[in-house]
């Protein structure tokens, strides 16, 4: 008899995943807005790859890639561990 262990914590429906990513963006948004920026969810592809758009002052900010990786991606992965990549779409 074969037993399969399913990690239910990391398996979400597409709707749950989208809601969790939006919650993550809501958490990071005040930080971005404090510097005149914002962020929008563009898409989630294959339930693993998130595309966002940094807006406002974030567009021309010299540290926007650091913000994307250290802030946005980390926060999204906290809410949705199955996410593998987060990219900014201009």
PDB file of N, CA and C in Angstrom:
ATOM      1  N   UNK A   1       0.843  -1.181   0.000  1.00  0.00           N
ATOM      2  CA  UNK A   1       0.000   0.000   0.000  1.00  0.00           C
ATOM      3  C   UNK A   1       0.891   1.248   0.000  1.00  0.00           C
ATOM      4  N   UNK A   2       0.613   2.165  -0.881  1.00  0.00           N
ATOM      5  CA  UNK A   2       1.378   3.404  -0.987  1.00  0.00           C
ATOM      6  C   UNK A   2       0.603   4.532  -0.327  1.00  0.00           C
ATOM      7  N   UNK A   3       1.299   5.314   0.465  1.00  0.00           N
ATOM      8  CA  UNK A   3       0.678   6.464   1.125  1.00  0.00           C
ATOM      9  C   UNK A   3       1.263   7.740   0.546  1.00  0.00           C
ATOM     10  N   UNK A   4       0.407   8.690   0.310  1.00  0.00           N
ATOM     11  CA  UNK A   4       0.845   9.978  -0.203  1.00  0.00           C
ATOM     12  C   UNK A   4       0.585  11.035   0.847  1.00  0.00           C
ATOM     13  N   UNK A   5       1.595  11.818   1.124  1.00  0.00           N
ATOM     14  CA  UNK A   5       1.452  12.927   2.055  1.00  0.00           C
ATOM     15  C   UNK A   5       1.226  14.188   1.241  1.00  0.00           C
ATOM     16  N   UNK A   6       0.123  14.824   1.461  1.00  0.00           N
ATOM     17  CA  UNK A   6      -0.194  16.061   0.750  1.00  0.00           C
ATOM     18  C   UNK A   6      -0.078  17.213   1.732  1.00  0.00           C
ATOM     19  N   UNK A   7       0.729  18.184   1.370  1.00  0.00           N
ATOM     20  CA  UNK A   7       0.887  19.372   2.200  1.00  0.00           C
ATOM     21  C   UNK A   7      -0.258  20.324   1.888  1.00  0.00           C
ATOM     22  N   UNK A   8      -1.324  20.221   2.660  1.00  0.00           N
ATOM     23  CA  UNK A   8      -2.517  21.023   2.389  1.00  0.00           C
ATOM     24  C   UNK A   8      -2.300  22.494   2.671  1.00  0.00           C
ATOM     25  N   UNK A   9      -1.266  22.838   3.402  1.00  0.00           N
ATOM     26  CA  UNK A   9      -1.011  24.249   3.681  1.00  0.00           C
ATOM     27  C   UNK A   9      -0.570  24.994   2.428  1.00  0.00           C
ATOM     28  N   UNK A  10       0.038  24.287   1.481  1.00  0.00           N
ATOM     29  CA  UNK A  10       0.552  24.940   0.288  1.00  0.00           C
ATOM     30  C   UNK A  10      -0.338  24.767  -0.934  1.00  0.00           C
ATOM     31  N   UNK A  11      -1.421  24.026  -0.794  1.00  0.00           N
ATOM     32  CA  UNK A  11      -2.316  23.818  -1.927  1.00  0.00           C
ATOM     33  C   UNK A  11      -3.549  24.689  -1.729  1.00  0.00           C
ATOM     34  N   UNK A  12      -3.706  25.654  -2.600  1.00  0.00           N
ATOM     35  CA  UNK A  12      -4.841  26.572  -2.534  1.00  0.00           C
ATOM     36  C   UNK A  12      -5.549  26.563  -3.877  1.00  0.00           C
ATOM     37  N   UNK A  13      -6.833  26.822  -3.836  1.00  0.00           N
ATOM     38  CA  UNK A  13      -7.541  27.018  -5.093  1.00  0.00           C
ATOM     39  C   UNK A  13      -7.045  28.320  -5.711  1.00  0.00           C
ATOM     40  N   UNK A  14      -7.313  28.499  -6.976  1.00  0.00           N
ATOM     41  CA  UNK A  14      -6.911  29.735  -7.651  1.00  0.00           C
ATOM     42  C   UNK A  14      -7.536  30.940  -6.966  1.00  0.00           C
ATOM     43  N   UNK A  15      -8.784  30.803  -6.536  1.00  0.00           N
ATOM     44  CA  UNK A  15      -9.457  31.907  -5.847  1.00  0.00           C
ATOM     45  C   UNK A  15      -8.795  32.216  -4.509  1.00  0.00           C
ATOM     46  N   UNK A  16      -8.468  31.187  -3.733  1.00  0.00           N
ATOM     47  CA  UNK A  16      -7.789  31.396  -2.452  1.00  0.00           C
ATOM     48  C   UNK A  16      -6.417  32.025  -2.668  1.00  0.00           C
ATOM     49  N   UNK A  17      -5.721  31.553  -3.669  1.00  0.00           N
ATOM     50  CA  UNK A  17      -4.400  32.084  -3.978  1.00  0.00           C
ATOM     51  C   UNK A  17      -4.480  33.564  -4.335  1.00  0.00           C
ATOM     52  N   UNK A  18      -5.425  33.910  -5.199  1.00  0.00           N
ATOM     53  CA  UNK A  18      -5.608  35.312  -5.590  1.00  0.00           C
ATOM     54  C   UNK A  18      -5.940  36.164  -4.378  1.00  0.00           C
ATOM     55  N   UNK A  19      -6.845  35.694  -3.536  1.00  0.00           N
ATOM     56  CA  UNK A  19      -7.207  36.449  -2.331  1.00  0.00           C
ATOM     57  C   UNK A  19      -6.006  36.638  -1.417  1.00  0.00           C
ATOM     58  N   UNK A  20      -5.181  35.603  -1.259  1.00  0.00           N
ATOM     59  CA  UNK A  20      -4.009  35.720  -0.393  1.00  0.00           C
ATOM     60  C   UNK A  20      -2.967  36.671  -0.965  1.00  0.00           C
ATOM     61  N   UNK A  21      -2.777  36.644  -2.271  1.00  0.00           N
ATOM     62  CA  UNK A  21      -1.840  37.582  -2.896  1.00  0.00           C
ATOM     63  C   UNK A  21      -2.347  39.008  -2.713  1.00  0.00           C
ATOM     64  N   UNK A  22      -3.643  39.215  -2.876  1.00  0.00           N
ATOM     65  CA  UNK A  22      -4.210  40.557  -2.663  1.00  0.00           C
ATOM     66  C   UNK A  22      -4.051  41.003  -1.215  1.00  0.00           C
ATOM     67  N   UNK A  23      -4.200  40.086  -0.264  1.00  0.00           N
ATOM     68  CA  UNK A  23      -3.961  40.418   1.147  1.00  0.00           C
ATOM     69  C   UNK A  23      -2.508  40.830   1.363  1.00  0.00           C
ATOM     70  N   UNK A  24      -1.592  40.127   0.722  1.00  0.00           N
ATOM     71  CA  UNK A  24      -0.170  40.471   0.830  1.00  0.00           C
ATOM     72  C   UNK A  24       0.092  41.867   0.278  1.00  0.00           C
ATOM     73  N   UNK A  25      -0.510  42.182  -0.866  1.00  0.00           N
ATOM     74  CA  UNK A  25      -0.327  43.515  -1.454  1.00  0.00           C
ATOM     75  C   UNK A  25      -0.926  44.588  -0.556  1.00  0.00           C
ATOM     76  N   UNK A  26      -2.046  44.276   0.090  1.00  0.00           N
ATOM     77  CA  UNK A  26      -2.642  45.228   1.031  1.00  0.00           C
ATOM     78  C   UNK A  26      -1.719  45.481   2.218  1.00  0.00           C
ATOM     79  N   UNK A  27      -0.962  44.457   2.625  1.00  0.00           N
ATOM     80  CA  UNK A  27      -0.023  44.630   3.736  1.00  0.00           C
ATOM     81  C   UNK A  27       1.147  45.530   3.341  1.00  0.00           C
ATOM     82  N   UNK A  28       1.655  45.371   2.136  1.00  0.00           N
ATOM     83  CA  UNK A  28       2.828  46.136   1.696  1.00  0.00           C
ATOM     84  C   UNK A  28       2.457  47.527   1.179  1.00  0.00           C
ATOM     85  N   UNK A  29       1.213  47.707   0.758  1.00  0.00           N
ATOM     86  CA  UNK A  29       0.774  48.960   0.128  1.00  0.00           C
ATOM     87  C   UNK A  29       1.042  50.215   0.982  1.00  0.00           C
ATOM     88  N   UNK A  30       0.766  50.227   2.292  1.00  0.00           N
ATOM     89  CA  UNK A  30       1.041  51.450   3.072  1.00  0.00           C
ATOM     90  C   UNK A  30       2.508  51.875   3.023  1.00  0.00           C
ATOM     91  N   UNK A  31       3.413  50.912   3.012  1.00  0.00           N
ATOM     92  CA  UNK A  31       4.840  51.218   2.895  1.00  0.00           C
ATOM     93  C   UNK A  31       5.124  51.904   1.564  1.00  0.00           C
ATOM     94  N   UNK A  32       4.563  51.370   0.486  1.00  0.00           N
ATOM     95  CA  UNK A  32       4.779  51.957  -0.839  1.00  0.00           C
ATOM     96  C   UNK A  32       4.142  53.338  -0.940  1.00  0.00           C
ATOM     97  N   UNK A  33       2.939  53.480  -0.405  1.00  0.00           N
ATOM     98  CA  UNK A  33       2.229  54.764  -0.475  1.00  0.00           C
ATOM     99  C   UNK A  33       2.939  55.842   0.335  1.00  0.00           C
ATOM    100  N   UNK A  34       3.635  55.443   1.396  1.00  0.00           N
ATOM    101  CA  UNK A  34       4.346  56.437   2.210  1.00  0.00           C
ATOM    102  C   UNK A  34       5.453  57.120   1.414  1.00  0.00           C
ATOM    103  N   UNK A  35       5.890  56.480   0.331  1.00  0.00           N
ATOM    104  CA  UNK A  35       6.899  57.068  -0.555  1.00  0.00           C
ATOM    105  C   UNK A  35       6.311  57.500  -1.889  1.00  0.00           C
ATOM    106  N   UNK A  36       4.980  57.585  -1.961  1.00  0.00           N
ATOM    107  CA  UNK A  36       4.328  58.048  -3.184  1.00  0.00           C
ATOM    108  C   UNK A  36       4.129  56.979  -4.243  1.00  0.00           C
ATOM    109  N   UNK A  37       4.238  55.716  -3.845  1.00  0.00           N
ATOM    110  CA  UNK A  37       4.076  54.624  -4.799  1.00  0.00           C
ATOM    111  C   UNK A  37       2.828  53.809  -4.537  1.00  0.00           C
ATOM    112  N   UNK A  38       2.661  52.780  -5.319  1.00  0.00           N
ATOM    113  CA  UNK A  38       1.553  51.842  -5.149  1.00  0.00           C
ATOM    114  C   UNK A  38       1.894  50.585  -5.938  1.00  0.00           C
ATOM    115  N   UNK A  39       1.007  49.603  -5.876  1.00  0.00           N
ATOM    116  CA  UNK A  39       1.223  48.339  -6.573  1.00  0.00           C
ATOM    117  C   UNK A  39      -0.119  47.758  -6.978  1.00  0.00           C
ATOM    118  N   UNK A  40      -0.147  47.121  -8.147  1.00  0.00           N
ATOM    119  CA  UNK A  40      -1.355  46.449  -8.633  1.00  0.00           C
ATOM    120  C   UNK A  40      -1.010  45.031  -9.044  1.00  0.00           C
ATOM    121  N   UNK A  41      -1.941  44.121  -8.798  1.00  0.00           N
ATOM    122  CA  UNK A  41      -1.798  42.751  -9.271  1.00  0.00           C
ATOM    123  C   UNK A  41      -2.209  42.700 -10.735  1.00  0.00           C
ATOM    124  N   UNK A  42      -1.341  42.184 -11.586  1.00  0.00           N
ATOM    125  CA  UNK A  42      -1.636  42.034 -13.011  1.00  0.00           C
ATOM    126  C   UNK A  42      -2.163  40.627 -13.287  1.00  0.00           C
ATOM    127  N   UNK A  43      -1.429  39.613 -12.830  1.00  0.00           N
ATOM    128  CA  UNK A  43      -1.883  38.240 -13.059  1.00  0.00           C
ATOM    129  C   UNK A  43      -1.134  37.269 -12.160  1.00  0.00           C
ATOM    130  N   UNK A  44      -1.702  36.073 -12.069  1.00  0.00           N
ATOM    131  CA  UNK A  44      -1.028  34.941 -11.439  1.00  0.00           C
ATOM    132  C   UNK A  44      -1.065  33.827 -12.478  1.00  0.00           C
ATOM    133  N   UNK A  45       0.107  33.412 -12.926  1.00  0.00           N
ATOM    134  CA  UNK A  45       0.203  32.402 -13.979  1.00  0.00           C
ATOM    135  C   UNK A  45       0.559  31.043 -13.389  1.00  0.00           C
ATOM    136  N   UNK A  46      -0.166  30.027 -13.795  1.00  0.00           N
ATOM    137  CA  UNK A  46       0.078  28.639 -13.363  1.00  0.00           C
ATOM    138  C   UNK A  46       0.072  28.492 -11.839  1.00  0.00           C
ATOM    139  N   UNK A  47      -0.613  29.374 -11.141  1.00  0.00           N
ATOM    140  CA  UNK A  47      -0.676  29.370  -9.676  1.00  0.00           C
ATOM    141  C   UNK A  47       0.710  29.411  -9.027  1.00  0.00           C
ATOM    142  N   UNK A  48       1.726  29.934  -9.746  1.00  0.00           N
ATOM    143  CA  UNK A  48       3.094  29.978  -9.226  1.00  0.00           C
ATOM    144  C   UNK A  48       3.813  31.288  -9.489  1.00  0.00           C
ATOM    145  N   UNK A  49       3.388  32.016 -10.507  1.00  0.00           N
ATOM    146  CA  UNK A  49       4.141  33.182 -10.961  1.00  0.00           C
ATOM    147  C   UNK A  49       3.250  34.422 -10.924  1.00  0.00           C
ATOM    148  N   UNK A  50       3.650  35.391 -10.110  1.00  0.00           N
ATOM    149  CA  UNK A  50       2.869  36.612  -9.922  1.00  0.00           C
ATOM    150  C   UNK A  50       3.476  37.743 -10.743  1.00  0.00           C
ATOM    151  N   UNK A  51       2.606  38.452 -11.438  1.00  0.00           N
ATOM    152  CA  UNK A  51       3.006  39.666 -12.153  1.00  0.00           C
ATOM    153  C   UNK A  51       2.305  40.839 -11.489  1.00  0.00           C
ATOM    154  N   UNK A  52       3.102  41.843 -11.123  1.00  0.00           N
ATOM    155  CA  UNK A  52       2.576  43.051 -10.495  1.00  0.00           C
ATOM    156  C   UNK A  52       3.035  44.259 -11.295  1.00  0.00           C
ATOM    157  N   UNK A  53       2.442  45.384 -11.011  1.00  0.00           N
ATOM    158  CA  UNK A  53       2.894  46.640 -11.607  1.00  0.00           C
ATOM    159  C   UNK A  53       3.152  47.620 -10.473  1.00  0.00           C
ATOM    160  N   UNK A  54       4.418  48.023 -10.329  1.00  0.00           N
ATOM    161  CA  UNK A  54       4.756  49.097  -9.400  1.00  0.00           C
ATOM    162  C   UNK A  54       4.324  50.398 -10.045  1.00  0.00           C
ATOM    163  N   UNK A  55       3.729  51.287  -9.253  1.00  0.00           N
ATOM    164  CA  UNK A  55       3.144  52.513  -9.793  1.00  0.00           C
ATOM    165  C   UNK A  55       3.638  53.736  -9.034  1.00  0.00           C
ATOM    166  N   UNK A  56       3.330  54.896  -9.582  1.00  0.00           N
ATOM    167  CA  UNK A  56       3.681  56.162  -8.936  1.00  0.00           C
ATOM    168  C   UNK A  56       5.182  56.323  -8.818  1.00  0.00           C
ATOM    169  N   UNK A  57       5.627  56.769  -7.650  1.00  0.00           N
ATOM    170  CA  UNK A  57       7.055  57.014  -7.420  1.00  0.00           C
ATOM    171  C   UNK A  57       7.892  55.745  -7.525  1.00  0.00           C
ATOM    172  N   UNK A  58       7.255  54.586  -7.381  1.00  0.00           N
ATOM    173  CA  UNK A  58       7.994  53.317  -7.476  1.00  0.00           C
ATOM    174  C   UNK A  58       8.561  53.082  -8.873  1.00  0.00           C
ATOM    175  N   UNK A  59       7.948  53.672  -9.883  1.00  0.00           N
ATOM    176  CA  UNK A  59       8.390  53.453 -11.261  1.00  0.00           C
ATOM    177  C   UNK A  59       9.823  53.930 -11.457  1.00  0.00           C
ATOM    178  N   UNK A  60      10.127  55.105 -10.956  1.00  0.00           N
ATOM    179  CA  UNK A  60      11.453  55.685 -11.175  1.00  0.00           C
ATOM    180  C   UNK A  60      12.394  55.513  -9.986  1.00  0.00           C
ATOM    181  N   UNK A  61      11.949  54.815  -8.969  1.00  0.00           N
ATOM    182  CA  UNK A  61      12.768  54.630  -7.772  1.00  0.00           C
ATOM    183  C   UNK A  61      13.977  53.755  -8.089  1.00  0.00           C
ATOM    184  N   UNK A  62      15.140  54.176  -7.620  1.00  0.00           N
ATOM    185  CA  UNK A  62      16.377  53.444  -7.909  1.00  0.00           C
ATOM    186  C   UNK A  62      16.464  52.111  -7.166  1.00  0.00           C
ATOM    187  N   UNK A  63      15.653  51.922  -6.148  1.00  0.00           N
ATOM    188  CA  UNK A  63      15.698  50.669  -5.382  1.00  0.00           C
ATOM    189  C   UNK A  63      14.429  49.837  -5.580  1.00  0.00           C
ATOM    190  N   UNK A  64      13.705  50.055  -6.683  1.00  0.00           N
ATOM    191  CA  UNK A  64      12.443  49.334  -6.849  1.00  0.00           C
ATOM    192  C   UNK A  64      12.638  47.823  -6.985  1.00  0.00           C
ATOM    193  N   UNK A  65      13.748  47.363  -7.554  1.00  0.00           N
ATOM    194  CA  UNK A  65      13.978  45.914  -7.639  1.00  0.00           C
ATOM    195  C   UNK A  65      14.256  45.317  -6.265  1.00  0.00           C
ATOM    196  N   UNK A  66      14.942  46.070  -5.411  1.00  0.00           N
ATOM    197  CA  UNK A  66      15.168  45.609  -4.050  1.00  0.00           C
ATOM    198  C   UNK A  66      13.842  45.572  -3.290  1.00  0.00           C
ATOM    199  N   UNK A  67      13.010  46.592  -3.482  1.00  0.00           N
ATOM    200  CA  UNK A  67      11.689  46.617  -2.856  1.00  0.00           C
ATOM    201  C   UNK A  67      10.859  45.442  -3.338  1.00  0.00           C
ATOM    202  N   UNK A  68      10.930  45.151  -4.627  1.00  0.00           N
ATOM    203  CA  UNK A  68      10.166  44.047  -5.193  1.00  0.00           C
ATOM    204  C   UNK A  68      10.585  42.725  -4.562  1.00  0.00           C
ATOM    205  N   UNK A  69      11.877  42.463  -4.476  1.00  0.00           N
ATOM    206  CA  UNK A  69      12.357  41.184  -3.943  1.00  0.00           C
ATOM    207  C   UNK A  69      12.242  41.114  -2.424  1.00  0.00           C
ATOM    208  N   UNK A  70      12.760  42.119  -1.739  1.00  0.00           N
ATOM    209  CA  UNK A  70      12.817  42.063  -0.280  1.00  0.00           C
ATOM    210  C   UNK A  70      11.469  42.329   0.377  1.00  0.00           C
ATOM    211  N   UNK A  71      10.678  43.189  -0.219  1.00  0.00           N
ATOM    212  CA  UNK A  71       9.400  43.532   0.392  1.00  0.00           C
ATOM    213  C   UNK A  71       8.230  42.789  -0.199  1.00  0.00           C
ATOM    214  N   UNK A  72       7.989  42.995  -1.465  1.00  0.00           N
ATOM    215  CA  UNK A  72       6.797  42.456  -2.116  1.00  0.00           C
ATOM    216  C   UNK A  72       6.856  40.933  -2.209  1.00  0.00           C
ATOM    217  N   UNK A  73       7.922  40.394  -2.764  1.00  0.00           N
ATOM    218  CA  UNK A  73       8.006  38.941  -2.944  1.00  0.00           C
ATOM    219  C   UNK A  73       7.977  38.210  -1.607  1.00  0.00           C
ATOM    220  N   UNK A  74       8.707  38.708  -0.631  1.00  0.00           N
ATOM    221  CA  UNK A  74       8.725  38.077   0.688  1.00  0.00           C
ATOM    222  C   UNK A  74       7.339  38.077   1.316  1.00  0.00           C
ATOM    223  N   UNK A  75       6.636  39.194   1.208  1.00  0.00           N
ATOM    224  CA  UNK A  75       5.296  39.288   1.787  1.00  0.00           C
ATOM    225  C   UNK A  75       4.322  38.373   1.058  1.00  0.00           C
ATOM    226  N   UNK A  76       4.386  38.336  -0.263  1.00  0.00           N
ATOM    227  CA  UNK A  76       3.502  37.443  -1.027  1.00  0.00           C
ATOM    228  C   UNK A  76       3.758  35.988  -0.642  1.00  0.00           C
ATOM    229  N   UNK A  77       5.014  35.594  -0.522  1.00  0.00           N
ATOM    230  CA  UNK A  77       5.335  34.205  -0.180  1.00  0.00           C
ATOM    231  C   UNK A  77       4.905  33.853   1.240  1.00  0.00           C
ATOM    232  N   UNK A  78       4.815  34.849   2.101  1.00  0.00           N
ATOM    233  CA  UNK A  78       4.307  34.608   3.454  1.00  0.00           C
ATOM    234  C   UNK A  78       2.829  34.211   3.394  1.00  0.00           C
ATOM    235  N   UNK A  79       2.079  34.850   2.529  1.00  0.00           N
ATOM    236  CA  UNK A  79       0.650  34.572   2.382  1.00  0.00           C
ATOM    237  C   UNK A  79       0.370  33.404   1.437  1.00  0.00           C
ATOM    238  N   UNK A  80       1.253  33.175   0.489  1.00  0.00           N
ATOM    239  CA  UNK A  80       1.046  32.148  -0.535  1.00  0.00           C
ATOM    240  C   UNK A  80       2.379  31.457  -0.830  1.00  0.00           C
ATOM    241  N   UNK A  81       2.762  30.500   0.013  1.00  0.00           N
ATOM    242  CA  UNK A  81       4.079  29.861  -0.121  1.00  0.00           C
ATOM    243  C   UNK A  81       4.325  29.161  -1.454  1.00  0.00           C
ATOM    244  N   UNK A  82       3.283  28.821  -2.185  1.00  0.00           N
ATOM    245  CA  UNK A  82       3.480  28.120  -3.459  1.00  0.00           C
ATOM    246  C   UNK A  82       3.967  29.040  -4.578  1.00  0.00           C
ATOM    247  N   UNK A  83       3.949  30.347  -4.342  1.00  0.00           N
ATOM    248  CA  UNK A  83       4.428  31.289  -5.356  1.00  0.00           C
ATOM    249  C   UNK A  83       5.938  31.142  -5.503  1.00  0.00           C
ATOM    250  N   UNK A  84       6.389  31.033  -6.749  1.00  0.00           N
ATOM    251  CA  UNK A  84       7.815  30.864  -7.034  1.00  0.00           C
ATOM    252  C   UNK A  84       8.488  32.154  -7.474  1.00  0.00           C
ATOM    253  N   UNK A  85       7.781  32.976  -8.260  1.00  0.00           N
ATOM    254  CA  UNK A  85       8.390  34.207  -8.755  1.00  0.00           C
ATOM    255  C   UNK A  85       7.411  35.370  -8.669  1.00  0.00           C
ATOM    256  N   UNK A  86       7.976  36.548  -8.499  1.00  0.00           N
ATOM    257  CA  UNK A  86       7.207  37.795  -8.541  1.00  0.00           C
ATOM    258  C   UNK A  86       7.981  38.742  -9.443  1.00  0.00           C
ATOM    259  N   UNK A  87       7.329  39.230 -10.494  1.00  0.00           N
ATOM    260  CA  UNK A  87       7.992  40.141 -11.421  1.00  0.00           C
ATOM    261  C   UNK A  87       7.156  41.398 -11.609  1.00  0.00           C
ATOM    262  N   UNK A  88       7.867  42.492 -11.854  1.00  0.00           N
ATOM    263  CA  UNK A  88       7.227  43.774 -12.128  1.00  0.00           C
ATOM    264  C   UNK A  88       7.044  43.918 -13.631  1.00  0.00           C
ATOM    265  N   UNK A  89       5.817  44.187 -14.054  1.00  0.00           N
ATOM    266  CA  UNK A  89       5.493  44.408 -15.460  1.00  0.00           C
ATOM    267  C   UNK A  89       5.308  45.902 -15.653  1.00  0.00           C
ATOM    268  N   UNK A  90       6.081  46.475 -16.552  1.00  0.00           N
ATOM    269  CA  UNK A  90       5.989  47.918 -16.758  1.00  0.00           C
ATOM    270  C   UNK A  90       4.991  48.251 -17.823  1.00  0.00           C
TER     271      UNK A  90
END
